Amino acid sequence: MAERRVNVGWAEGLHARPASIFVRAATAAGVPVTIAKTGGTPVNAASMLAVLGLGAQGGEEIILTCDAEGADTALDRLAKLVSEGLEELPETV
């Protein structure tokens, strides 16, 4: 299982707009990805309600995991998005 640990780069955390950006990117990844706070229960990264339910704050560590072919590429892209607090997923990553 591939895993990435990153700190949330959005000052407001994974709430409203940042959560929406992240969920769209996770859905577009085409592989099942989970997201969890350190020590928490993993949830579906493609579910807006599940991501909002995490209550991840800015600067807090989250864990992204995937156990599918192409996991490393998908997780690298999502980790960059989250850690840098980007407004959209970069195509070059």
N, C-alpha and C. Protein backbone atom coordinates (compact mmCIF):
# COMPACT_ATOMS: atom_id res chain seq x y z
N MET A 1 0.84 -1.18 0.00
CA MET A 1 0.00 0.00 0.00
C MET A 1 0.88 1.24 0.00
N ALA A 2 0.60 2.14 -0.92
CA ALA A 2 1.35 3.39 -1.00
C ALA A 2 0.74 4.40 -0.03
N GLU A 3 1.60 5.22 0.54
CA GLU A 3 1.15 6.19 1.54
C GLU A 3 1.95 7.47 1.42
N ARG A 4 1.28 8.60 1.64
CA ARG A 4 1.95 9.90 1.71
C ARG A 4 1.44 10.62 2.95
N ARG A 5 2.35 11.18 3.72
CA ARG A 5 2.00 12.00 4.88
C ARG A 5 2.35 13.44 4.54
N VAL A 6 1.37 14.31 4.63
CA VAL A 6 1.57 15.72 4.28
C VAL A 6 0.84 16.61 5.26
N ASN A 7 1.31 17.84 5.37
CA ASN A 7 0.63 18.84 6.19
C ASN A 7 -0.27 19.67 5.28
N VAL A 8 -1.46 19.95 5.76
CA VAL A 8 -2.44 20.71 4.99
C VAL A 8 -1.93 22.13 4.77
N GLY A 9 -1.79 22.53 3.51
CA GLY A 9 -1.24 23.83 3.16
C GLY A 9 -2.24 24.96 3.10
N TRP A 10 -3.52 24.65 3.09
CA TRP A 10 -4.54 25.69 3.09
C TRP A 10 -4.71 26.20 4.51
N ALA A 11 -4.64 27.50 4.71
CA ALA A 11 -4.75 28.09 6.05
C ALA A 11 -6.06 27.71 6.72
N GLU A 12 -7.14 27.64 5.94
CA GLU A 12 -8.45 27.29 6.50
C GLU A 12 -8.67 25.79 6.64
N GLY A 13 -7.67 25.00 6.26
CA GLY A 13 -7.80 23.55 6.35
C GLY A 13 -8.62 22.99 5.21
N LEU A 14 -9.04 21.76 5.36
CA LEU A 14 -9.84 21.10 4.32
C LEU A 14 -11.32 21.39 4.57
N HIS A 15 -11.70 22.62 4.34
CA HIS A 15 -13.08 23.05 4.52
C HIS A 15 -13.55 23.73 3.25
N ALA A 16 -14.83 23.59 2.94
CA ALA A 16 -15.50 24.24 1.83
C ALA A 16 -14.71 24.19 0.52
N ARG A 17 -14.18 25.31 0.08
CA ARG A 17 -13.51 25.36 -1.23
C ARG A 17 -12.30 24.43 -1.32
N PRO A 18 -11.37 24.43 -0.35
CA PRO A 18 -10.24 23.50 -0.46
C PRO A 18 -10.68 22.03 -0.48
N ALA A 19 -11.69 21.69 0.29
CA ALA A 19 -12.19 20.32 0.29
C ALA A 19 -12.76 19.96 -1.07
N SER A 20 -13.48 20.90 -1.68
CA SER A 20 -14.05 20.67 -2.99
C SER A 20 -12.95 20.45 -4.03
N ILE A 21 -11.91 21.26 -3.99
CA ILE A 21 -10.77 21.11 -4.90
C ILE A 21 -10.13 19.74 -4.70
N PHE A 22 -9.91 19.36 -3.44
CA PHE A 22 -9.27 18.09 -3.15
C PHE A 22 -10.13 16.91 -3.61
N VAL A 23 -11.42 16.94 -3.33
CA VAL A 23 -12.32 15.83 -3.71
C VAL A 23 -12.37 15.68 -5.23
N ARG A 24 -12.44 16.80 -5.95
CA ARG A 24 -12.42 16.71 -7.42
C ARG A 24 -11.13 16.07 -7.91
N ALA A 25 -10.01 16.44 -7.31
CA ALA A 25 -8.72 15.87 -7.71
C ALA A 25 -8.65 14.39 -7.35
N ALA A 26 -9.16 14.02 -6.19
CA ALA A 26 -9.14 12.61 -5.77
C ALA A 26 -10.01 11.76 -6.70
N THR A 27 -11.14 12.31 -7.10
CA THR A 27 -12.03 11.60 -8.02
C THR A 27 -11.36 11.45 -9.38
N ALA A 28 -10.70 12.50 -9.84
CA ALA A 28 -10.03 12.48 -11.14
C ALA A 28 -8.82 11.54 -11.16
N ALA A 29 -8.30 11.19 -9.99
CA ALA A 29 -7.13 10.31 -9.92
C ALA A 29 -7.43 8.94 -10.53
N GLY A 30 -8.70 8.53 -10.51
CA GLY A 30 -9.07 7.27 -11.14
C GLY A 30 -8.73 6.03 -10.34
N VAL A 31 -8.23 6.19 -9.13
CA VAL A 31 -7.93 5.06 -8.25
C VAL A 31 -8.54 5.38 -6.88
N PRO A 32 -8.87 4.34 -6.11
CA PRO A 32 -9.45 4.60 -4.79
C PRO A 32 -8.40 5.10 -3.80
N VAL A 33 -8.62 6.29 -3.27
CA VAL A 33 -7.69 6.91 -2.33
C VAL A 33 -8.42 7.13 -1.02
N THR A 34 -7.73 6.90 0.09
CA THR A 34 -8.29 7.24 1.39
C THR A 34 -7.48 8.37 2.01
N ILE A 35 -8.13 9.08 2.91
CA ILE A 35 -7.49 10.19 3.62
C ILE A 35 -7.84 10.04 5.09
N ALA A 36 -6.87 10.34 5.95
CA ALA A 36 -7.10 10.27 7.39
C ALA A 36 -6.22 11.28 8.10
N LYS A 37 -6.67 11.71 9.27
CA LYS A 37 -5.81 12.48 10.15
C LYS A 37 -4.94 11.47 10.87
N THR A 38 -3.78 11.89 11.31
CA THR A 38 -2.88 11.00 12.03
C THR A 38 -3.62 10.36 13.21
N GLY A 39 -3.61 9.04 13.24
CA GLY A 39 -4.29 8.31 14.31
C GLY A 39 -5.78 8.14 14.11
N GLY A 40 -6.31 8.68 13.00
CA GLY A 40 -7.74 8.60 12.73
C GLY A 40 -8.10 7.49 11.77
N THR A 41 -9.38 7.33 11.56
CA THR A 41 -9.91 6.32 10.65
C THR A 41 -9.89 6.86 9.22
N PRO A 42 -9.33 6.08 8.28
CA PRO A 42 -9.32 6.51 6.87
C PRO A 42 -10.73 6.59 6.30
N VAL A 43 -10.95 7.60 5.45
CA VAL A 43 -12.23 7.77 4.76
C VAL A 43 -11.97 7.92 3.27
N ASN A 44 -13.02 7.75 2.49
CA ASN A 44 -12.94 7.87 1.04
C ASN A 44 -12.60 9.32 0.66
N ALA A 45 -11.48 9.51 -0.03
CA ALA A 45 -11.04 10.85 -0.42
C ALA A 45 -11.91 11.46 -1.51
N ALA A 46 -12.75 10.66 -2.16
CA ALA A 46 -13.62 11.17 -3.21
C ALA A 46 -15.00 11.56 -2.67
N SER A 47 -15.18 11.49 -1.36
CA SER A 47 -16.45 11.84 -0.74
C SER A 47 -16.35 13.18 -0.03
N MET A 48 -17.11 14.16 -0.51
CA MET A 48 -17.08 15.50 0.08
C MET A 48 -17.47 15.46 1.56
N LEU A 49 -18.51 14.73 1.89
CA LEU A 49 -18.95 14.66 3.28
C LEU A 49 -17.89 14.02 4.17
N ALA A 50 -17.24 12.97 3.67
CA ALA A 50 -16.22 12.30 4.46
C ALA A 50 -15.02 13.21 4.69
N VAL A 51 -14.59 13.94 3.65
CA VAL A 51 -13.44 14.84 3.77
C VAL A 51 -13.77 15.99 4.73
N LEU A 52 -14.95 16.57 4.59
CA LEU A 52 -15.35 17.64 5.51
C LEU A 52 -15.44 17.13 6.94
N GLY A 53 -15.88 15.88 7.10
CA GLY A 53 -16.02 15.28 8.42
C GLY A 53 -14.70 15.09 9.14
N LEU A 54 -13.60 15.07 8.41
CA LEU A 54 -12.29 14.93 9.05
C LEU A 54 -11.97 16.13 9.94
N GLY A 55 -12.40 17.29 9.51
CA GLY A 55 -12.09 18.51 10.26
C GLY A 55 -10.61 18.83 10.25
N ALA A 56 -9.92 18.51 9.15
CA ALA A 56 -8.48 18.76 9.05
C ALA A 56 -8.20 20.25 8.99
N GLN A 57 -7.36 20.73 9.88
CA GLN A 57 -7.02 22.15 9.98
C GLN A 57 -5.73 22.45 9.21
N GLY A 58 -5.51 23.70 8.90
CA GLY A 58 -4.29 24.13 8.23
C GLY A 58 -3.08 23.76 9.06
N GLY A 59 -2.08 23.16 8.44
CA GLY A 59 -0.85 22.75 9.12
C GLY A 59 -0.91 21.37 9.74
N GLU A 60 -2.09 20.79 9.83
CA GLU A 60 -2.26 19.47 10.43
C GLU A 60 -1.82 18.38 9.45
N GLU A 61 -1.24 17.31 9.98
CA GLU A 61 -0.80 16.21 9.13
C GLU A 61 -1.97 15.31 8.75
N ILE A 62 -2.02 14.95 7.46
CA ILE A 62 -2.98 13.96 6.99
C ILE A 62 -2.21 12.85 6.29
N ILE A 63 -2.88 11.71 6.16
CA ILE A 63 -2.27 10.55 5.53
C ILE A 63 -3.13 10.14 4.34
N LEU A 64 -2.52 10.09 3.17
CA LEU A 64 -3.19 9.64 1.95
C LEU A 64 -2.70 8.24 1.64
N THR A 65 -3.60 7.32 1.34
CA THR A 65 -3.21 5.95 1.02
C THR A 65 -3.97 5.44 -0.19
N CYS A 66 -3.35 4.51 -0.88
CA CYS A 66 -3.96 3.88 -2.05
C CYS A 66 -3.28 2.54 -2.28
N ASP A 67 -4.09 1.56 -2.66
CA ASP A 67 -3.57 0.21 -2.90
C ASP A 67 -3.98 -0.25 -4.30
N ALA A 68 -3.71 0.56 -5.30
CA ALA A 68 -4.08 0.23 -6.68
C ALA A 68 -2.91 0.54 -7.61
N GLU A 69 -2.99 0.00 -8.80
CA GLU A 69 -1.97 0.31 -9.80
C GLU A 69 -2.04 1.81 -10.10
N GLY A 70 -0.89 2.46 -10.12
CA GLY A 70 -0.85 3.90 -10.35
C GLY A 70 -0.96 4.70 -9.06
N ALA A 71 -0.89 4.02 -7.93
CA ALA A 71 -1.05 4.68 -6.64
C ALA A 71 0.00 5.75 -6.40
N ASP A 72 1.25 5.47 -6.70
CA ASP A 72 2.32 6.43 -6.41
C ASP A 72 2.12 7.74 -7.15
N THR A 73 1.76 7.66 -8.41
CA THR A 73 1.53 8.86 -9.21
C THR A 73 0.36 9.66 -8.65
N ALA A 74 -0.74 8.96 -8.36
CA ALA A 74 -1.94 9.64 -7.84
C ALA A 74 -1.65 10.30 -6.50
N LEU A 75 -0.97 9.59 -5.62
CA LEU A 75 -0.68 10.13 -4.29
C LEU A 75 0.31 11.29 -4.35
N ASP A 76 1.28 11.21 -5.24
CA ASP A 76 2.22 12.33 -5.40
C ASP A 76 1.49 13.60 -5.81
N ARG A 77 0.56 13.46 -6.75
CA ARG A 77 -0.20 14.63 -7.22
C ARG A 77 -1.08 15.20 -6.13
N LEU A 78 -1.78 14.32 -5.42
CA LEU A 78 -2.67 14.79 -4.35
C LEU A 78 -1.88 15.39 -3.19
N ALA A 79 -0.75 14.79 -2.87
CA ALA A 79 0.09 15.31 -1.78
C ALA A 79 0.60 16.71 -2.12
N LYS A 80 0.97 16.92 -3.36
CA LYS A 80 1.43 18.25 -3.78
C LYS A 80 0.29 19.26 -3.66
N LEU A 81 -0.88 18.89 -4.11
CA LEU A 81 -2.05 19.75 -4.04
C LEU A 81 -2.32 20.17 -2.60
N VAL A 82 -2.35 19.20 -1.69
CA VAL A 82 -2.67 19.47 -0.29
C VAL A 82 -1.56 20.25 0.41
N SER A 83 -0.32 19.83 0.23
CA SER A 83 0.78 20.46 0.97
C SER A 83 1.03 21.90 0.55
N GLU A 84 0.79 22.20 -0.73
CA GLU A 84 1.03 23.55 -1.23
C GLU A 84 -0.22 24.41 -1.22
N GLY A 85 -1.37 23.82 -0.87
CA GLY A 85 -2.62 24.58 -0.83
C GLY A 85 -2.97 25.17 -2.17
N LEU A 86 -2.79 24.38 -3.22
CA LEU A 86 -3.03 24.87 -4.58
C LEU A 86 -4.52 25.00 -4.88
N GLU A 87 -4.86 25.87 -5.81
CA GLU A 87 -6.25 26.07 -6.21
C GLU A 87 -6.71 25.07 -7.27
N GLU A 88 -5.76 24.38 -7.88
CA GLU A 88 -6.10 23.32 -8.83
C GLU A 88 -4.93 22.37 -8.94
N LEU A 89 -5.20 21.17 -9.38
CA LEU A 89 -4.17 20.16 -9.50
C LEU A 89 -3.25 20.49 -10.66
N PRO A 90 -1.96 20.60 -10.40
CA PRO A 90 -1.03 20.92 -11.49
C PRO A 90 -0.93 19.76 -12.48
N GLU A 91 -0.96 20.07 -13.74
CA GLU A 91 -0.88 19.03 -14.78
C GLU A 91 0.53 18.48 -14.94
N THR A 92 1.51 19.22 -14.47
CA THR A 92 2.89 18.82 -14.68
C THR A 92 3.43 17.89 -13.62
N VAL A 93 2.64 17.58 -12.61
CA VAL A 93 3.12 16.73 -11.52
C VAL A 93 2.78 15.29 -11.80
